[in-house]
Amino acid sequence: QLQLVESGGGLVQPGGSLRLSCAASGSTLDGYVIGWFRQDAGKELEGVACISTNGISTRYSDPVKGRFTISRDSANHAVYLQMNSLELEDTAVYYCAAERRPTWVSSDYVSLNHNTYDNWGQGTQVTVSS
């Protein structure tokens, strides 16, 4: 059974950077679309970034476009989220999630719909504060 563990969160000043990692155990990430989501207190879960099974296609939410970069490392069964130019509004618990790619869609398939993901990590806190 696939298990996901996030790491790399912490406290950072506005304008700073963090790199989140999502490590897989119990299974490889082959065949899984991976997404990063976040949720701040009192707010809804928000899709941030996702990457296709072949690592070629990515999608970002508008608030993070141009600042965040998602990547995957199949050899190390991990996915990363590089976050630059962090803003106060980026404060949240960040979760990585995996969706088994449906067999009838291409390997370029990506999704920021959290309802399609069924494997979730426990989350890592990111706090942006001066």
Foldseek 3Di string as FASTA:
>chain_A
DKAKAKDWADEAAAQAKIKMKIAIPPDAQQQKKKWKWWDAPPDDIFTAKIAFNVQPAMDGDPVQPPFWDWGDDRVRRMIMIIGGRDDQVVWTWMKMFIARDPPVDDSNDHDSPCVRTDHIHPTDTHGYDD
